[in-house]
């Protein structure tokens, strides 16, 4: 199968590329490093591609910026897919994005709507936060390390990549089951465990984020529902198996 991976150099995208290569698929990476600008639609040629997996993203906490990126990127991808005869569009979203359409999540909610209303048969996978998020979410403020108060049920990015590839290898199914880790975790505790493993210094504290987004991530809006597919690997098991990042 010929698969194009949008955001193929990102946290999930590069893992999709590795897994697809290992499975014998012909893989095309769509990223700035390969001359593709998804937001502007430049360099986007999907000739010969069977399926597109969109694992792209943008670094922002602005709802307006996130919506602009994901709406534009999705529009350009779908147009290129129609022109090339692509038969399946697989999109990665976030569990609860439509229930918490604030900040970055506003863009993911807009992406979901654009894909579902688009002309290409589709599958959408909503995944919980990645274990790697415990490192990325921490902000150093003097002697303190600040982590937002949030309820999450995280899992490994590699597991998400494998599920996206599995969806790509099958036919379009629309909304896939939510994908999440085995249990609810406090992000602050995961950050503390990560930093202890790496020997990082600083007191880690939990701080509520103000506004609608903060309320949503504290309320459980981004937790998976009863029909979700749950993985078995815990954060502690993953942390022991993965080389720590500093």
Protein backbone atom coordinates (compact mmCIF):
# COMPACT_ATOMS: atom_id res chain seq x y z
CA UNK A 1 0.00 0.00 0.00
CA UNK A 2 1.17 3.52 -0.74
CA UNK A 3 0.70 5.66 2.35
CA UNK A 4 1.39 9.37 2.78
CA UNK A 5 1.99 10.55 6.35
CA UNK A 6 1.27 14.21 7.03
CA UNK A 7 3.46 15.35 9.90
CA UNK A 8 5.69 12.36 9.27
CA UNK A 9 8.58 13.78 11.29
CA UNK A 10 6.58 14.49 14.46
CA UNK A 11 6.18 12.49 17.65
CA UNK A 12 3.56 10.13 16.21
CA UNK A 13 4.26 10.64 12.52
CA UNK A 14 7.83 9.37 12.59
CA UNK A 15 6.67 6.27 14.44
CA UNK A 16 3.99 5.66 11.80
CA UNK A 17 6.65 5.94 9.09
CA UNK A 18 8.90 3.43 10.89
CA UNK A 19 6.07 0.94 11.38
CA UNK A 20 4.78 1.32 7.83
CA UNK A 21 8.27 0.84 6.39
CA UNK A 22 8.74 -2.28 8.49
CA UNK A 23 5.38 -3.61 7.26
CA UNK A 24 6.48 -3.23 3.64
CA UNK A 25 4.36 -0.23 2.69
CA UNK A 26 5.58 2.48 0.34
CA UNK A 27 5.66 5.60 2.51
CA UNK A 28 5.72 9.26 1.54
CA UNK A 29 6.43 11.85 4.26
CA UNK A 30 4.57 15.15 4.04
CA UNK A 31 6.41 17.74 6.10
CA UNK A 32 8.34 20.96 5.77
CA UNK A 33 11.56 18.95 5.62
CA UNK A 34 10.31 17.26 2.43
CA UNK A 35 9.12 20.52 0.86
CA UNK A 36 5.46 20.33 1.87
CA UNK A 37 3.63 23.18 3.62
CA UNK A 38 0.24 21.80 4.63
CA UNK A 39 -1.15 25.11 5.81
CA UNK A 40 -0.38 26.83 2.52
CA UNK A 41 -0.91 23.74 0.40
CA UNK A 42 2.44 24.04 -1.35
CA UNK A 43 4.48 21.04 -2.50
CA UNK A 44 1.52 18.75 -1.93
CA UNK A 45 1.42 16.00 -4.57
CA UNK A 46 -0.37 12.76 -3.70
CA UNK A 47 -0.15 11.08 -7.08
CA UNK A 48 -0.15 7.31 -6.63
CA UNK A 49 -1.06 7.43 -2.93
CA UNK A 50 -3.79 5.09 -1.65
CA UNK A 51 -4.23 6.38 1.91
CA UNK A 52 -3.26 9.51 3.82
CA UNK A 53 -2.62 9.50 7.57
CA UNK A 54 -2.76 12.99 9.02
CA UNK A 55 -0.68 13.20 12.19
CA UNK A 56 0.28 16.84 11.64
CA UNK A 57 0.24 19.49 14.34
CA UNK A 58 1.14 23.05 15.22
CA UNK A 59 2.83 24.41 18.33
CA UNK A 60 0.33 26.84 19.83
CA UNK A 61 -2.09 27.32 22.71
CA UNK A 62 -4.14 29.83 20.69
CA UNK A 63 -7.56 28.59 19.58
CA UNK A 64 -7.54 30.93 16.59
CA UNK A 65 -4.10 29.80 15.44
CA UNK A 66 -4.93 26.13 15.94
CA UNK A 67 -8.22 26.40 14.06
CA UNK A 68 -6.52 28.23 11.20
CA UNK A 69 -3.82 25.60 10.86
CA UNK A 70 -6.00 22.50 11.04
CA UNK A 71 -8.76 23.92 8.86
CA UNK A 72 -6.30 24.97 6.16
CA UNK A 73 -4.20 21.81 6.34
CA UNK A 74 -7.26 19.58 6.14
CA UNK A 75 -8.73 21.53 3.25
CA UNK A 76 -5.51 21.29 1.28
CA UNK A 77 -5.03 17.61 2.03
CA UNK A 78 -8.57 16.69 1.01
CA UNK A 79 -8.31 18.68 -2.22
CA UNK A 80 -5.04 16.96 -3.11
CA UNK A 81 -6.56 13.58 -2.24
CA UNK A 82 -9.52 14.14 -4.54
CA UNK A 83 -7.20 15.18 -7.36
CA UNK A 84 -5.04 12.08 -6.88
CA UNK A 85 -7.84 9.59 -6.29
CA UNK A 86 -6.91 8.82 -2.67
CA UNK A 87 -9.54 6.50 -1.19
CA UNK A 88 -9.00 6.84 2.56
CA UNK A 89 -8.17 9.75 4.87
CA UNK A 90 -7.12 8.81 8.42
CA UNK A 91 -6.94 11.65 10.95
CA UNK A 92 -5.50 11.72 14.45
CA UNK A 93 -7.47 13.79 16.95
CA UNK A 94 -7.66 14.03 20.74
CA UNK A 95 -10.12 12.38 23.11
CA UNK A 96 -12.67 14.98 24.17
CA UNK A 97 -11.61 17.69 21.69
CA UNK A 98 -15.21 18.45 20.79
CA UNK A 99 -16.14 18.59 24.51
CA UNK A 100 -13.28 20.96 25.30
CA UNK A 101 -12.95 23.16 22.18
CA UNK A 102 -10.50 25.59 23.72
CA UNK A 103 -6.90 26.45 22.88
CA UNK A 104 -5.16 23.78 20.80
CA UNK A 105 -8.19 21.50 21.12
CA UNK A 106 -10.33 24.01 19.20
CA UNK A 107 -8.26 23.24 16.11
CA UNK A 108 -8.65 19.50 16.55
CA UNK A 109 -12.41 19.89 16.88
CA UNK A 110 -12.42 21.95 13.67
CA UNK A 111 -10.30 19.29 11.97
CA UNK A 112 -12.79 16.58 12.93
CA UNK A 113 -15.66 18.59 11.45
CA UNK A 114 -13.75 19.26 8.22
CA UNK A 115 -12.81 15.62 7.73
CA UNK A 116 -16.34 14.36 8.43
CA UNK A 117 -17.84 16.88 5.99
CA UNK A 118 -15.19 16.28 3.33
CA UNK A 119 -15.37 14.36 0.06
CA UNK A 120 -12.89 11.58 0.92
CA UNK A 121 -13.92 8.45 2.87
CA UNK A 122 -12.46 8.78 6.35
CA UNK A 123 -11.53 7.37 9.72
CA UNK A 124 -10.85 9.48 12.81
CA UNK A 125 -8.90 8.17 15.80
CA UNK A 126 -9.18 10.18 19.00
CA UNK A 127 -6.31 9.32 21.32
CA UNK A 128 -5.57 10.41 24.87
CA UNK A 129 -2.42 12.32 25.79
CA UNK A 130 0.89 10.56 25.25
CA UNK A 131 3.20 9.45 28.05
CA UNK A 132 5.75 11.83 26.51
CA UNK A 133 3.44 14.71 27.45
CA UNK A 134 4.64 14.43 31.05
CA UNK A 135 7.94 15.90 29.91
CA UNK A 136 6.59 18.37 27.36
CA UNK A 137 3.96 19.97 29.59
CA UNK A 138 6.36 21.00 32.36
CA UNK A 139 7.48 24.64 32.53
CA UNK A 140 10.44 25.79 34.61
CA UNK A 141 9.73 28.92 36.66
CA UNK A 142 12.79 29.69 38.75
CA UNK A 143 13.23 26.87 41.27
CA UNK A 144 9.77 25.48 40.46
CA UNK A 145 8.52 23.18 37.69
CA UNK A 146 4.90 24.02 36.89
CA UNK A 147 2.48 21.41 35.52
CA UNK A 148 -1.18 22.12 34.68
CA UNK A 149 -3.82 20.41 36.79
CA UNK A 150 -5.46 17.87 34.53
CA UNK A 151 -7.13 14.49 34.49
CA UNK A 152 -5.77 12.24 31.78
CA UNK A 153 -5.55 8.59 30.77
CA UNK A 154 -2.31 8.61 28.77
CA UNK A 155 -0.62 5.99 26.60
CA UNK A 156 2.52 5.56 24.51
CA UNK A 157 2.84 7.45 21.23
CA UNK A 158 4.05 4.24 19.56
CA UNK A 159 0.75 2.56 20.45
CA UNK A 160 -1.15 5.40 18.80
CA UNK A 161 1.01 5.12 15.69
CA UNK A 162 0.34 1.39 15.46
CA UNK A 163 -3.42 1.91 15.70
CA UNK A 164 -3.36 4.61 13.01
CA UNK A 165 -1.48 2.27 10.67
CA UNK A 166 -3.97 -0.48 11.44
CA UNK A 167 -6.82 1.85 10.48
CA UNK A 168 -5.00 2.85 7.28
CA UNK A 169 -4.59 -0.78 6.29
CA UNK A 170 -8.34 -1.30 6.61
CA UNK A 171 -11.21 0.52 4.97
CA UNK A 172 -12.79 3.78 6.16
CA UNK A 173 -14.84 3.31 9.34
CA UNK A 174 -15.72 6.89 10.31
CA UNK A 175 -15.33 7.37 14.06
CA UNK A 176 -12.99 4.78 15.54
CA UNK A 177 -13.14 3.85 19.20
CA UNK A 178 -11.30 6.28 21.47
CA UNK A 179 -7.83 5.03 22.37
CA UNK A 180 -6.43 5.58 25.87
CA UNK A 181 -4.18 4.14 28.53
CA UNK A 182 -5.20 1.66 31.22
CA UNK A 183 -5.98 4.12 33.99
CA UNK A 184 -6.49 7.75 34.92
CA UNK A 185 -3.35 9.57 35.98
CA UNK A 186 -2.45 12.97 37.43
CA UNK A 187 -0.05 14.62 35.02
CA UNK A 188 1.89 16.19 37.89
CA UNK A 189 2.71 12.74 39.29
CA UNK A 190 3.91 11.54 35.88
CA UNK A 191 6.12 14.59 35.55
CA UNK A 192 7.62 13.94 38.97
CA UNK A 193 8.35 10.33 38.03
CA UNK A 194 9.90 11.38 34.73
CA UNK A 195 12.15 13.96 36.37
CA UNK A 196 13.17 11.54 39.10
CA UNK A 197 14.22 9.05 36.42
CA UNK A 198 16.32 11.66 34.63
CA UNK A 199 17.76 13.21 37.78
CA UNK A 200 16.28 16.64 36.96
CA UNK A 201 16.10 19.15 39.78
CA UNK A 202 13.30 21.49 40.87
CA UNK A 203 10.13 21.19 42.89
CA UNK A 204 7.21 20.08 40.69
CA UNK A 205 3.90 21.75 41.52
CA UNK A 206 0.41 21.47 40.04
CA UNK A 207 -1.29 24.70 38.97
CA UNK A 208 -4.88 25.06 37.67
CA UNK A 209 -5.08 26.70 34.24
CA UNK A 210 -7.67 29.52 34.18
CA UNK A 211 -10.52 29.71 31.69
CA UNK A 212 -12.60 27.19 29.83
CA UNK A 213 -9.73 24.95 28.80
CA UNK A 214 -8.45 24.68 32.36
CA UNK A 215 -11.90 23.78 33.64
CA UNK A 216 -12.34 21.18 30.89
CA UNK A 217 -9.09 19.32 31.55
CA UNK A 218 -9.78 19.30 35.29
CA UNK A 219 -13.38 18.14 34.93
CA UNK A 220 -12.69 14.89 33.10
CA UNK A 221 -13.88 16.15 29.69
CA UNK A 222 -10.79 14.70 28.02
CA UNK A 223 -11.12 11.27 29.60
CA UNK A 224 -12.27 8.38 27.38
CA UNK A 225 -15.86 7.17 27.47
CA UNK A 226 -17.07 3.66 28.38
CA UNK A 227 -16.65 2.35 24.81
CA UNK A 228 -12.97 3.26 24.51
CA UNK A 229 -10.19 0.86 23.59
CA UNK A 230 -7.79 0.75 26.53
CA UNK A 231 -4.18 -0.33 26.37
CA UNK A 232 -2.41 -2.31 29.10
CA UNK A 233 1.01 -0.63 29.44
CA UNK A 234 1.23 1.66 32.46
CA UNK A 235 3.31 4.82 32.61
CA UNK A 236 5.67 3.20 35.12
CA UNK A 237 6.26 0.26 32.80
CA UNK A 238 6.82 2.54 29.83
CA UNK A 239 9.21 4.76 31.78
CA UNK A 240 11.35 1.76 32.66
CA UNK A 241 11.40 0.53 29.06
CA UNK A 242 12.01 3.85 27.30
CA UNK A 243 15.27 5.82 27.40
CA UNK A 244 14.54 9.00 29.38
CA UNK A 245 14.56 12.36 27.62
CA UNK A 246 16.00 15.41 29.32
